[in-house]
Every structure is written in structure tokens, then in C-alpha cells.
Amino acid sequence: MNTEHFNSLSLDELWILHQQVTASLTQRMLVQKAQLEERLHKIGLADEATRFDRKRRPYPPVRPKYRNPKNPAETWSGRGRLPRWLRPQLRGGRKLDDFLIDQASVQKRQTN
């Protein structure tokens, strides 16, 4: 396919082309899905293919590790994104260890 043709099209023309391609792909995928489902029905595996009985692995509860000194109800386990209350504190020069719930662990870290 000649890609220079796409460079000569306006933004509106490219958007219309995008919509046409998307519609065509959607239609073809629906047709192919229907054909595959029909084949599954013929061989008797349609019920097994549509069941989703997969169980997720149970994750243990994670205790909070850090606490907001201004609002003790706000805690963070140390996993995932930084909470909103912690970002400005860290930018202001404080360290993450300053917010630990168990201050004894901070003293252990500093002595080791």
C-alpha cells in the first residue's frame, strides 16, 4: 500500500477513512465470530467455550505502612501510586520514612 497517498489526505478525509476501516473491521469480526460459534455448536463445545469459571488467586490483605500525620485516617500500604496527601510532602523535602506507622522500624533501619 502506498503511504504517500495518506500524507496527501486532509484530516477530515483521514478521519472518514478511519471510520470506514473501523466499521469494516467490526463487521468482519462479527461475521467471523458467528462462524466460529456455529462451528463450536456443531462439535458440541459451545457451552464450554462461553463459561468463565476461572477463579482469581486470593491475595492476602496488605496492612497500611504509611500514615498521614495531618489526617490519621489516610493510610497507604506502599503499593501502587503515591496517594495525593503524600506527594506534596515528599516534594517539600520530607522522606518516606517520616510517614511510617511503626516508628520502631525506622530506628532499626538507621542503626543497621
PDB file of N, CA and C in Angstrom:
ATOM      1  N   MET A   1       0.842  -1.170   0.000  1.00  0.00           N
ATOM      2  CA  MET A   1       0.000   0.000   0.000  1.00  0.00           C
ATOM      3  C   MET A   1       0.886   1.231   0.000  1.00  0.00           C
ATOM      4  N   ASN A   2       0.530   2.210  -0.758  1.00  0.00           N
ATOM      5  CA  ASN A   2       1.302   3.435  -0.884  1.00  0.00           C
ATOM      6  C   ASN A   2       0.938   4.381   0.255  1.00  0.00           C
ATOM      7  N   THR A   3       1.888   4.638   1.157  1.00  0.00           N
ATOM      8  CA  THR A   3       1.610   5.502   2.305  1.00  0.00           C
ATOM      9  C   THR A   3       1.654   6.982   1.947  1.00  0.00           C
ATOM     10  N   GLU A   4       2.233   7.323   0.822  1.00  0.00           N
ATOM     11  CA  GLU A   4       2.264   8.726   0.412  1.00  0.00           C
ATOM     12  C   GLU A   4       0.862   9.233   0.119  1.00  0.00           C
ATOM     13  N   HIS A   5      -0.027   8.336  -0.273  1.00  0.00           N
ATOM     14  CA  HIS A   5      -1.416   8.726  -0.525  1.00  0.00           C
ATOM     15  C   HIS A   5      -2.038   9.255   0.767  1.00  0.00           C
ATOM     16  N   PHE A   6      -1.717   8.646   1.913  1.00  0.00           N
ATOM     17  CA  PHE A   6      -2.273   9.086   3.190  1.00  0.00           C
ATOM     18  C   PHE A   6      -1.762  10.467   3.563  1.00  0.00           C
ATOM     19  N   ASN A   7      -0.520  10.762   3.219  1.00  0.00           N
ATOM     20  CA  ASN A   7       0.045  12.078   3.535  1.00  0.00           C
ATOM     21  C   ASN A   7      -0.630  13.189   2.751  1.00  0.00           C
ATOM     22  N   SER A   8      -1.213  12.867   1.606  1.00  0.00           N
ATOM     23  CA  SER A   8      -1.859  13.890   0.795  1.00  0.00           C
ATOM     24  C   SER A   8      -3.306  14.142   1.209  1.00  0.00           C
ATOM     25  N   LEU A   9      -3.867  13.287   2.082  1.00  0.00           N
ATOM     26  CA  LEU A   9      -5.255  13.455   2.502  1.00  0.00           C
ATOM     27  C   LEU A   9      -5.365  14.490   3.620  1.00  0.00           C
ATOM     28  N   SER A  10      -6.506  15.176   3.652  1.00  0.00           N
ATOM     29  CA  SER A  10      -6.743  16.135   4.725  1.00  0.00           C
ATOM     30  C   SER A  10      -7.129  15.381   5.998  1.00  0.00           C
ATOM     31  N   LEU A  11      -7.195  16.093   7.091  1.00  0.00           N
ATOM     32  CA  LEU A  11      -7.555  15.484   8.368  1.00  0.00           C
ATOM     33  C   LEU A  11      -8.971  14.910   8.332  1.00  0.00           C
ATOM     34  N   ASP A  12      -9.899  15.644   7.714  1.00  0.00           N
ATOM     35  CA  ASP A  12     -11.272  15.142   7.606  1.00  0.00           C
ATOM     36  C   ASP A  12     -11.347  13.883   6.754  1.00  0.00           C
ATOM     37  N   GLU A  13     -10.592  13.852   5.666  1.00  0.00           N
ATOM     38  CA  GLU A  13     -10.589  12.671   4.807  1.00  0.00           C
ATOM     39  C   GLU A  13      -9.985  11.460   5.540  1.00  0.00           C
ATOM     40  N   LEU A  14      -8.928  11.704   6.300  1.00  0.00           N
ATOM     41  CA  LEU A  14      -8.316  10.624   7.074  1.00  0.00           C
ATOM     42  C   LEU A  14      -9.283  10.100   8.140  1.00  0.00           C
ATOM     43  N   TRP A  15     -10.037  11.014   8.768  1.00  0.00           N
ATOM     44  CA  TRP A  15     -10.987  10.590   9.784  1.00  0.00           C
ATOM     45  C   TRP A  15     -12.107   9.737   9.177  1.00  0.00           C
ATOM     46  N   ILE A  16     -12.596  10.136   8.014  1.00  0.00           N
ATOM     47  CA  ILE A  16     -13.632   9.355   7.325  1.00  0.00           C
ATOM     48  C   ILE A  16     -13.084   7.986   6.956  1.00  0.00           C
ATOM     49  N   LEU A  17     -11.852   7.944   6.472  1.00  0.00           N
ATOM     50  CA  LEU A  17     -11.212   6.667   6.141  1.00  0.00           C
ATOM     51  C   LEU A  17     -11.078   5.788   7.387  1.00  0.00           C
ATOM     52  N   HIS A  18     -10.706   6.397   8.486  1.00  0.00           N
ATOM     53  CA  HIS A  18     -10.590   5.668   9.752  1.00  0.00           C
ATOM     54  C   HIS A  18     -11.936   5.065  10.142  1.00  0.00           C
ATOM     55  N   GLN A  19     -12.989   5.832  10.038  1.00  0.00           N
ATOM     56  CA  GLN A  19     -14.321   5.334  10.400  1.00  0.00           C
ATOM     57  C   GLN A  19     -14.745   4.189   9.482  1.00  0.00           C
ATOM     58  N   GLN A  20     -14.428   4.288   8.212  1.00  0.00           N
ATOM     59  CA  GLN A  20     -14.780   3.226   7.271  1.00  0.00           C
ATOM     60  C   GLN A  20     -14.014   1.942   7.590  1.00  0.00           C
ATOM     61  N   VAL A  21     -12.729   2.080   7.884  1.00  0.00           N
ATOM     62  CA  VAL A  21     -11.913   0.908   8.215  1.00  0.00           C
ATOM     63  C   VAL A  21     -12.417   0.268   9.509  1.00  0.00           C
ATOM     64  N   THR A  22     -12.720   1.082  10.489  1.00  0.00           N
ATOM     65  CA  THR A  22     -13.220   0.566  11.767  1.00  0.00           C
ATOM     66  C   THR A  22     -14.537  -0.178  11.575  1.00  0.00           C
ATOM     67  N   ALA A  23     -15.438   0.395  10.790  1.00  0.00           N
ATOM     68  CA  ALA A  23     -16.726  -0.255  10.544  1.00  0.00           C
ATOM     69  C   ALA A  23     -16.534  -1.577   9.801  1.00  0.00           C
ATOM     70  N   SER A  24     -15.642  -1.581   8.816  1.00  0.00           N
ATOM     71  CA  SER A  24     -15.385  -2.795   8.049  1.00  0.00           C
ATOM     72  C   SER A  24     -14.783  -3.885   8.929  1.00  0.00           C
ATOM     73  N   LEU A  25     -13.822  -3.513   9.768  1.00  0.00           N
ATOM     74  CA  LEU A  25     -13.206  -4.487  10.673  1.00  0.00           C
ATOM     75  C   LEU A  25     -14.224  -5.038  11.669  1.00  0.00           C
ATOM     76  N   THR A  26     -15.059  -4.178  12.199  1.00  0.00           N
ATOM     77  CA  THR A  26     -16.075  -4.622  13.155  1.00  0.00           C
ATOM     78  C   THR A  26     -17.015  -5.619  12.503  1.00  0.00           C
ATOM     79  N   GLN A  27     -17.456  -5.313  11.300  1.00  0.00           N
ATOM     80  CA  GLN A  27     -18.374  -6.207  10.590  1.00  0.00           C
ATOM     81  C   GLN A  27     -17.722  -7.561  10.316  1.00  0.00           C
ATOM     82  N   ARG A  28     -16.486  -7.553   9.849  1.00  0.00           N
ATOM     83  CA  ARG A  28     -15.794  -8.812   9.554  1.00  0.00           C
ATOM     84  C   ARG A  28     -15.562  -9.640  10.811  1.00  0.00           C
ATOM     85  N   MET A  29     -15.237  -8.965  11.914  1.00  0.00           N
ATOM     86  CA  MET A  29     -15.020  -9.687  13.161  1.00  0.00           C
ATOM     87  C   MET A  29     -16.315 -10.325  13.654  1.00  0.00           C
ATOM     88  N   LEU A  30     -17.438  -9.629  13.512  1.00  0.00           N
ATOM     89  CA  LEU A  30     -18.722 -10.191  13.919  1.00  0.00           C
ATOM     90  C   LEU A  30     -19.086 -11.409  13.081  1.00  0.00           C
ATOM     91  N   VAL A  31     -18.831 -11.335  11.778  1.00  0.00           N
ATOM     92  CA  VAL A  31     -19.113 -12.459  10.895  1.00  0.00           C
ATOM     93  C   VAL A  31     -18.243 -13.651  11.267  1.00  0.00           C
ATOM     94  N   GLN A  32     -16.958 -13.398  11.489  1.00  0.00           N
ATOM     95  CA  GLN A  32     -16.050 -14.482  11.835  1.00  0.00           C
ATOM     96  C   GLN A  32     -16.408 -15.084  13.192  1.00  0.00           C
ATOM     97  N   LYS A  33     -16.810 -14.259  14.139  1.00  0.00           N
ATOM     98  CA  LYS A  33     -17.211 -14.758  15.456  1.00  0.00           C
ATOM     99  C   LYS A  33     -18.440 -15.653  15.325  1.00  0.00           C
ATOM    100  N   ALA A  34     -19.402 -15.230  14.507  1.00  0.00           N
ATOM    101  CA  ALA A  34     -20.611 -16.036  14.308  1.00  0.00           C
ATOM    102  C   ALA A  34     -20.261 -17.382  13.678  1.00  0.00           C
ATOM    103  N   GLN A  35     -19.329 -17.372  12.721  1.00  0.00           N
ATOM    104  CA  GLN A  35     -18.917 -18.623  12.081  1.00  0.00           C
ATOM    105  C   GLN A  35     -18.243 -19.552  13.096  1.00  0.00           C
ATOM    106  N   LEU A  36     -17.389 -19.000  13.931  1.00  0.00           N
ATOM    107  CA  LEU A  36     -16.704 -19.813  14.937  1.00  0.00           C
ATOM    108  C   LEU A  36     -17.693 -20.362  15.971  1.00  0.00           C
ATOM    109  N   GLU A  37     -18.645 -19.549  16.394  1.00  0.00           N
ATOM    110  CA  GLU A  37     -19.651 -20.031  17.345  1.00  0.00           C
ATOM    111  C   GLU A  37     -20.497 -21.143  16.730  1.00  0.00           C
ATOM    112  N   GLU A  38     -20.803 -21.010  15.435  1.00  0.00           N
ATOM    113  CA  GLU A  38     -21.572 -22.054  14.747  1.00  0.00           C
ATOM    114  C   GLU A  38     -20.778 -23.358  14.714  1.00  0.00           C
ATOM    115  N   ARG A  39     -19.480 -23.261  14.452  1.00  0.00           N
ATOM    116  CA  ARG A  39     -18.638 -24.463  14.450  1.00  0.00           C
ATOM    117  C   ARG A  39     -18.579 -25.102  15.834  1.00  0.00           C
ATOM    118  N   LEU A  40     -18.503 -24.261  16.878  1.00  0.00           N
ATOM    119  CA  LEU A  40     -18.495 -24.792  18.239  1.00  0.00           C
ATOM    120  C   LEU A  40     -19.804 -25.512  18.561  1.00  0.00           C
ATOM    121  N   HIS A  41     -20.919 -24.965  18.113  1.00  0.00           N
ATOM    122  CA  HIS A  41     -22.206 -25.625  18.339  1.00  0.00           C
ATOM    123  C   HIS A  41     -22.252 -26.984  17.637  1.00  0.00           C
ATOM    124  N   LYS A  42     -21.687 -27.032  16.430  1.00  0.00           N
ATOM    125  CA  LYS A  42     -21.702 -28.292  15.682  1.00  0.00           C
ATOM    126  C   LYS A  42     -20.905 -29.382  16.384  1.00  0.00           C
ATOM    127  N   ILE A  43     -19.799 -29.013  16.995  1.00  0.00           N
ATOM    128  CA  ILE A  43     -18.992 -30.043  17.656  1.00  0.00           C
ATOM    129  C   ILE A  43     -19.349 -30.191  19.137  1.00  0.00           C
ATOM    130  N   GLY A  44     -20.287 -29.391  19.625  1.00  0.00           N
ATOM    131  CA  GLY A  44     -20.792 -29.544  20.981  1.00  0.00           C
ATOM    132  C   GLY A  44     -19.951 -28.921  22.065  1.00  0.00           C
ATOM    133  N   LEU A  45     -19.132 -27.971  21.745  1.00  0.00           N
ATOM    134  CA  LEU A  45     -18.275 -27.338  22.744  1.00  0.00           C
ATOM    135  C   LEU A  45     -18.662 -25.887  23.019  1.00  0.00           C
ATOM    136  N   ALA A  46     -19.822 -25.467  22.553  1.00  0.00           N
ATOM    137  CA  ALA A  46     -20.208 -24.062  22.701  1.00  0.00           C
ATOM    138  C   ALA A  46     -20.365 -23.665  24.163  1.00  0.00           C
ATOM    139  N   ASP A  47     -20.942 -24.537  24.977  1.00  0.00           N
ATOM    140  CA  ASP A  47     -21.146 -24.199  26.391  1.00  0.00           C
ATOM    141  C   ASP A  47     -19.822 -24.084  27.133  1.00  0.00           C
ATOM    142  N   GLU A  48     -18.872 -24.937  26.803  1.00  0.00           N
ATOM    143  CA  GLU A  48     -17.578 -24.902  27.482  1.00  0.00           C
ATOM    144  C   GLU A  48     -16.770 -23.664  27.093  1.00  0.00           C
ATOM    145  N   ALA A  49     -16.938 -23.196  25.860  1.00  0.00           N
ATOM    146  CA  ALA A  49     -16.155 -22.048  25.394  1.00  0.00           C
ATOM    147  C   ALA A  49     -16.672 -20.743  25.975  1.00  0.00           C
ATOM    148  N   THR A  50     -17.947 -20.689  26.359  1.00  0.00           N
ATOM    149  CA  THR A  50     -18.505 -19.435  26.858  1.00  0.00           C
ATOM    150  C   THR A  50     -18.499 -19.345  28.374  1.00  0.00           C
ATOM    151  N   ARG A  51     -18.135 -20.413  29.076  1.00  0.00           N
ATOM    152  CA  ARG A  51     -18.081 -20.368  30.536  1.00  0.00           C
ATOM    153  C   ARG A  51     -16.779 -19.732  30.999  1.00  0.00           C
ATOM    154  N   PHE A  52     -16.911 -18.863  31.966  1.00  0.00           N
ATOM    155  CA  PHE A  52     -15.725 -18.234  32.540  1.00  0.00           C
ATOM    156  C   PHE A  52     -15.745 -18.475  34.042  1.00  0.00           C
ATOM    157  N   ASP A  53     -15.356 -19.678  34.445  1.00  0.00           N
ATOM    158  CA  ASP A  53     -15.355 -20.046  35.845  1.00  0.00           C
ATOM    159  C   ASP A  53     -13.962 -19.930  36.457  1.00  0.00           C
ATOM    160  N   ARG A  54     -13.118 -19.169  35.817  1.00  0.00           N
ATOM    161  CA  ARG A  54     -11.758 -19.040  36.339  1.00  0.00           C
ATOM    162  C   ARG A  54     -11.784 -18.280  37.660  1.00  0.00           C
ATOM    163  N   LYS A  55     -11.093 -18.831  38.626  1.00  0.00           N
ATOM    164  CA  LYS A  55     -11.026 -18.168  39.916  1.00  0.00           C
ATOM    165  C   LYS A  55      -9.707 -17.425  40.020  1.00  0.00           C
ATOM    166  N   ARG A  56      -9.782 -16.257  40.606  1.00  0.00           N
ATOM    167  CA  ARG A  56      -8.577 -15.479  40.812  1.00  0.00           C
ATOM    168  C   ARG A  56      -7.846 -15.986  42.042  1.00  0.00           C
ATOM    169  N   ARG A  57      -6.579 -15.815  42.002  1.00  0.00           N
ATOM    170  CA  ARG A  57      -5.751 -16.203  43.137  1.00  0.00           C
ATOM    171  C   ARG A  57      -6.072 -15.263  44.298  1.00  0.00           C
ATOM    172  N   PRO A  58      -6.319 -15.806  45.478  1.00  0.00           N
ATOM    173  CA  PRO A  58      -6.617 -14.914  46.608  1.00  0.00           C
ATOM    174  C   PRO A  58      -5.355 -14.191  47.068  1.00  0.00           C
ATOM    175  N   TYR A  59      -5.474 -12.899  47.204  1.00  0.00           N
ATOM    176  CA  TYR A  59      -4.350 -12.106  47.666  1.00  0.00           C
ATOM    177  C   TYR A  59      -4.515 -11.828  49.152  1.00  0.00           C
ATOM    178  N   PRO A  60      -3.445 -11.926  49.895  1.00  0.00           N
ATOM    179  CA  PRO A  60      -3.566 -11.633  51.330  1.00  0.00           C
ATOM    180  C   PRO A  60      -3.803 -10.138  51.536  1.00  0.00           C
ATOM    181  N   PRO A  61      -4.510  -9.779  52.591  1.00  0.00           N
ATOM    182  CA  PRO A  61      -4.716  -8.357  52.849  1.00  0.00           C
ATOM    183  C   PRO A  61      -3.387  -7.689  53.185  1.00  0.00           C
ATOM    184  N   VAL A  62      -3.225  -6.478  52.732  1.00  0.00           N
ATOM    185  CA  VAL A  62      -1.981  -5.743  52.949  1.00  0.00           C
ATOM    186  C   VAL A  62      -2.245  -4.668  53.998  1.00  0.00           C
ATOM    187  N   ARG A  63      -1.472  -4.686  55.038  1.00  0.00           N
ATOM    188  CA  ARG A  63      -1.634  -3.696  56.096  1.00  0.00           C
ATOM    189  C   ARG A  63      -1.045  -2.362  55.664  1.00  0.00           C
ATOM    190  N   PRO A  64      -1.620  -1.277  56.145  1.00  0.00           N
ATOM    191  CA  PRO A  64      -1.044   0.031  55.804  1.00  0.00           C
ATOM    192  C   PRO A  64       0.326   0.195  56.444  1.00  0.00           C
ATOM    193  N   LYS A  65       1.200   0.833  55.716  1.00  0.00           N
ATOM    194  CA  LYS A  65       2.575   1.008  56.160  1.00  0.00           C
ATOM    195  C   LYS A  65       2.864   2.475  56.494  1.00  0.00           C
ATOM    196  N   TYR A  66       2.151   3.375  55.816  1.00  0.00           N
ATOM    197  CA  TYR A  66       2.387   4.805  55.979  1.00  0.00           C
ATOM    198  C   TYR A  66       1.081   5.490  56.376  1.00  0.00           C
ATOM    199  N   ARG A  67       1.194   6.568  57.189  1.00  0.00           N
ATOM    200  CA  ARG A  67       0.014   7.290  57.660  1.00  0.00           C
ATOM    201  C   ARG A  67       0.241   8.784  57.501  1.00  0.00           C
ATOM    202  N   ASN A  68      -0.823   9.473  57.123  1.00  0.00           N
ATOM    203  CA  ASN A  68      -0.794  10.923  57.006  1.00  0.00           C
ATOM    204  C   ASN A  68      -0.860  11.511  58.415  1.00  0.00           C
ATOM    205  N   PRO A  69       0.151  12.268  58.842  1.00  0.00           N
ATOM    206  CA  PRO A  69       0.117  12.816  60.203  1.00  0.00           C
ATOM    207  C   PRO A  69      -0.997  13.845  60.399  1.00  0.00           C
ATOM    208  N   LYS A  70      -1.410  14.522  59.330  1.00  0.00           N
ATOM    209  CA  LYS A  70      -2.477  15.518  59.429  1.00  0.00           C
ATOM    210  C   LYS A  70      -3.852  14.875  59.513  1.00  0.00           C
ATOM    211  N   ASN A  71      -4.004  13.718  58.893  1.00  0.00           N
ATOM    212  CA  ASN A  71      -5.273  13.001  58.920  1.00  0.00           C
ATOM    213  C   ASN A  71      -4.961  11.516  59.087  1.00  0.00           C
ATOM    214  N   PRO A  72      -4.961  11.008  60.300  1.00  0.00           N
ATOM    215  CA  PRO A  72      -4.566   9.612  60.551  1.00  0.00           C
ATOM    216  C   PRO A  72      -5.449   8.584  59.844  1.00  0.00           C
ATOM    217  N   ALA A  73      -6.614   8.984  59.359  1.00  0.00           N
ATOM    218  CA  ALA A  73      -7.474   8.036  58.644  1.00  0.00           C
ATOM    219  C   ALA A  73      -6.917   7.721  57.260  1.00  0.00           C
ATOM    220  N   GLU A  74      -6.048   8.581  56.747  1.00  0.00           N
ATOM    221  CA  GLU A  74      -5.457   8.362  55.430  1.00  0.00           C
ATOM    222  C   GLU A  74      -4.179   7.549  55.582  1.00  0.00           C
ATOM    223  N   THR A  75      -4.208   6.349  55.015  1.00  0.00           N
ATOM    224  CA  THR A  75      -3.049   5.460  55.089  1.00  0.00           C
ATOM    225  C   THR A  75      -2.709   4.961  53.694  1.00  0.00           C
ATOM    226  N   TRP A  76      -1.524   4.360  53.591  1.00  0.00           N
ATOM    227  CA  TRP A  76      -1.067   3.809  52.316  1.00  0.00           C
ATOM    228  C   TRP A  76      -0.238   2.576  52.617  1.00  0.00           C
ATOM    229  N   SER A  77      -0.431   1.533  51.814  1.00  0.00           N
ATOM    230  CA  SER A  77       0.283   0.277  52.036  1.00  0.00           C
ATOM    231  C   SER A  77       1.685   0.281  51.434  1.00  0.00           C
ATOM    232  N   GLY A  78       1.982   1.258  50.613  1.00  0.00           N
ATOM    233  CA  GLY A  78       3.283   1.292  49.953  1.00  0.00           C
ATOM    234  C   GLY A  78       3.240   0.650  48.580  1.00  0.00           C
ATOM    235  N   ARG A  79       2.067   0.185  48.178  1.00  0.00           N
ATOM    236  CA  ARG A  79       1.891  -0.429  46.855  1.00  0.00           C
ATOM    237  C   ARG A  79       1.087   0.510  45.971  1.00  0.00           C
ATOM    238  N   GLY A  80       1.365   0.471  44.701  1.00  0.00           N
ATOM    239  CA  GLY A  80       0.609   1.292  43.757  1.00  0.00           C
ATOM    240  C   GLY A  80       1.106   2.729  43.742  1.00  0.00           C
ATOM    241  N   ARG A  81       0.252   3.594  43.231  1.00  0.00           N
ATOM    242  CA  ARG A  81       0.616   5.004  43.090  1.00  0.00           C
ATOM    243  C   ARG A  81       0.689   5.691  44.445  1.00  0.00           C
ATOM    244  N   LEU A  82       1.502   6.746  44.482  1.00  0.00           N
ATOM    245  CA  LEU A  82       1.581   7.546  45.697  1.00  0.00           C
ATOM    246  C   LEU A  82       0.238   8.224  45.933  1.00  0.00           C
ATOM    247  N   PRO A  83      -0.243   8.243  47.168  1.00  0.00           N
ATOM    248  CA  PRO A  83      -1.500   8.928  47.436  1.00  0.00           C
ATOM    249  C   PRO A  83      -1.338  10.446  47.326  1.00  0.00           C
ATOM    250  N   ARG A  84      -2.450  11.125  47.140  1.00  0.00           N
ATOM    251  CA  ARG A  84      -2.411  12.580  46.952  1.00  0.00           C
ATOM    252  C   ARG A  84      -1.835  13.314  48.157  1.00  0.00           C
ATOM    253  N   TRP A  85      -2.099  12.814  49.333  1.00  0.00           N
ATOM    254  CA  TRP A  85      -1.608  13.504  50.525  1.00  0.00           C
ATOM    255  C   TRP A  85      -0.105  13.378  50.685  1.00  0.00           C
ATOM    256  N   LEU A  86       0.502  12.386  50.059  1.00  0.00           N
ATOM    257  CA  LEU A  86       1.931  12.133  50.250  1.00  0.00           C
ATOM    258  C   LEU A  86       2.807  12.883  49.241  1.00  0.00           C
ATOM    259  N   ARG A  87       2.301  13.097  48.045  1.00  0.00           N
ATOM    260  CA  ARG A  87       3.115  13.741  47.005  1.00  0.00           C
ATOM    261  C   ARG A  87       3.676  15.099  47.419  1.00  0.00           C
ATOM    262  N   PRO A  88       2.829  16.037  47.885  1.00  0.00           N
ATOM    263  CA  PRO A  88       3.402  17.352  48.251  1.00  0.00           C
ATOM    264  C   PRO A  88       4.359  17.279  49.429  1.00  0.00           C
ATOM    265  N   GLN A  89       4.138  16.332  50.319  1.00  0.00           N
ATOM    266  CA  GLN A  89       5.036  16.178  51.469  1.00  0.00           C
ATOM    267  C   GLN A  89       6.437  15.775  50.997  1.00  0.00           C
ATOM    268  N   LEU A  90       6.500  14.844  50.055  1.00  0.00           N
ATOM    269  CA  LEU A  90       7.797  14.388  49.546  1.00  0.00           C
ATOM    270  C   LEU A  90       8.481  15.468  48.730  1.00  0.00           C
ATOM    271  N   ARG A  91       7.679  16.235  47.979  1.00  0.00           N
ATOM    272  CA  ARG A  91       8.271  17.346  47.209  1.00  0.00           C
ATOM    273  C   ARG A  91       8.830  18.413  48.134  1.00  0.00           C
ATOM    274  N   GLY A  92       8.232  18.538  49.312  1.00  0.00           N
ATOM    275  CA  GLY A  92       8.677  19.539  50.279  1.00  0.00           C
ATOM    276  C   GLY A  92       9.949  19.149  51.008  1.00  0.00           C
ATOM    277  N   GLY A  93      10.474  17.976  50.748  1.00  0.00           N
ATOM    278  CA  GLY A  93      11.753  17.584  51.336  1.00  0.00           C
ATOM    279  C   GLY A  93      11.663  16.505  52.400  1.00  0.00           C
ATOM    280  N   ARG A  94      10.466  16.121  52.789  1.00  0.00           N
ATOM    281  CA  ARG A  94      10.351  15.059  53.782  1.00  0.00           C
ATOM    282  C   ARG A  94      10.657  13.720  53.133  1.00  0.00           C
ATOM    283  N   LYS A  95      10.990  12.745  53.960  1.00  0.00           N
ATOM    284  CA  LYS A  95      11.319  11.411  53.460  1.00  0.00           C
ATOM    285  C   LYS A  95      10.164  10.468  53.720  1.00  0.00           C
ATOM    286  N   LEU A  96      10.114   9.403  52.949  1.00  0.00           N
ATOM    287  CA  LEU A  96       9.051   8.424  53.079  1.00  0.00           C
ATOM    288  C   LEU A  96       9.050   7.782  54.464  1.00  0.00           C
ATOM    289  N   ASP A  97      10.232   7.607  55.027  1.00  0.00           N
ATOM    290  CA  ASP A  97      10.335   7.006  56.358  1.00  0.00           C
ATOM    291  C   ASP A  97       9.667   7.864  57.435  1.00  0.00           C
ATOM    292  N   ASP A  98       9.498   9.157  57.173  1.00  0.00           N
ATOM    293  CA  ASP A  98       8.844  10.036  58.150  1.00  0.00           C
ATOM    294  C   ASP A  98       7.379   9.672  58.354  1.00  0.00           C
ATOM    295  N   PHE A  99       6.791   8.947  57.429  1.00  0.00           N
ATOM    296  CA  PHE A  99       5.367   8.639  57.474  1.00  0.00           C
ATOM    297  C   PHE A  99       5.089   7.192  57.875  1.00  0.00           C
ATOM    298  N   LEU A 100       6.123   6.440  58.223  1.00  0.00           N
ATOM    299  CA  LEU A 100       5.924   5.051  58.621  1.00  0.00           C
ATOM    300  C   LEU A 100       5.042   4.973  59.863  1.00  0.00           C
ATOM    301  N   ILE A 101       4.166   4.007  59.890  1.00  0.00           N
ATOM    302  CA  ILE A 101       3.275   3.828  61.030  1.00  0.00           C
ATOM    303  C   ILE A 101       4.052   3.301  62.224  1.00  0.00           C
ATOM    304  N   ASP A 102       4.924   2.348  62.012  1.00  0.00           N
ATOM    305  CA  ASP A 102       5.713   1.773  63.082  1.00  0.00           C
ATOM    306  C   ASP A 102       7.064   2.478  63.118  1.00  0.00           C
ATOM    307  N   GLN A 103       7.232   3.423  64.017  1.00  0.00           N
ATOM    308  CA  GLN A 103       8.467   4.198  64.084  1.00  0.00           C
ATOM    309  C   GLN A 103       9.650   3.361  64.560  1.00  0.00           C
ATOM    310  N   ALA A 104       9.386   2.227  65.215  1.00  0.00           N
ATOM    311  CA  ALA A 104      10.484   1.360  65.662  1.00  0.00           C
ATOM    312  C   ALA A 104      11.248   0.798  64.476  1.00  0.00           C
ATOM    313  N   SER A 105      10.550   0.569  63.376  1.00  0.00           N
ATOM    314  CA  SER A 105      11.237   0.032  62.198  1.00  0.00           C
ATOM    315  C   SER A 105      12.182   1.068  61.596  1.00  0.00           C
ATOM    316  N   VAL A 106      11.868   2.354  61.769  1.00  0.00           N
ATOM    317  CA  VAL A 106      12.746   3.404  61.259  1.00  0.00           C
ATOM    318  C   VAL A 106      14.052   3.398  62.036  1.00  0.00           C
ATOM    319  N   GLN A 107      13.945   3.243  63.362  1.00  0.00           N
ATOM    320  CA  GLN A 107      15.150   3.241  64.180  1.00  0.00           C
ATOM    321  C   GLN A 107      16.014   2.031  63.853  1.00  0.00           C
ATOM    322  N   LYS A 108      15.388   0.883  63.546  1.00  0.00           N
ATOM    323  CA  LYS A 108      16.149  -0.309  63.178  1.00  0.00           C
ATOM    324  C   LYS A 108      16.898  -0.067  61.876  1.00  0.00           C
ATOM    325  N   ARG A 109      16.246   0.598  60.918  1.00  0.00           N
ATOM    326  CA  ARG A 109      16.886   0.867  59.627  1.00  0.00           C
ATOM    327  C   ARG A 109      18.092   1.789  59.798  1.00  0.00           C
ATOM    328  N   GLN A 110      17.963   2.773  60.669  1.00  0.00           N
ATOM    329  CA  GLN A 110      19.024   3.743  60.837  1.00  0.00           C
ATOM    330  C   GLN A 110      20.228   3.145  61.563  1.00  0.00           C
ATOM    331  N   THR A 111      20.000   2.179  62.451  1.00  0.00           N
ATOM    332  CA  THR A 111      21.108   1.583  63.174  1.00  0.00           C
ATOM    333  C   THR A 111      21.823   0.528  62.356  1.00  0.00           C
ATOM    334  N   ASN A 112      21.152  -0.069  61.371  1.00  0.00           N
ATOM    335  CA  ASN A 112      21.780  -1.128  60.548  1.00  0.00           C
ATOM    336  C   ASN A 112      22.571  -0.549  59.436  1.00  0.00           C
TER     337      ASN A 112
END
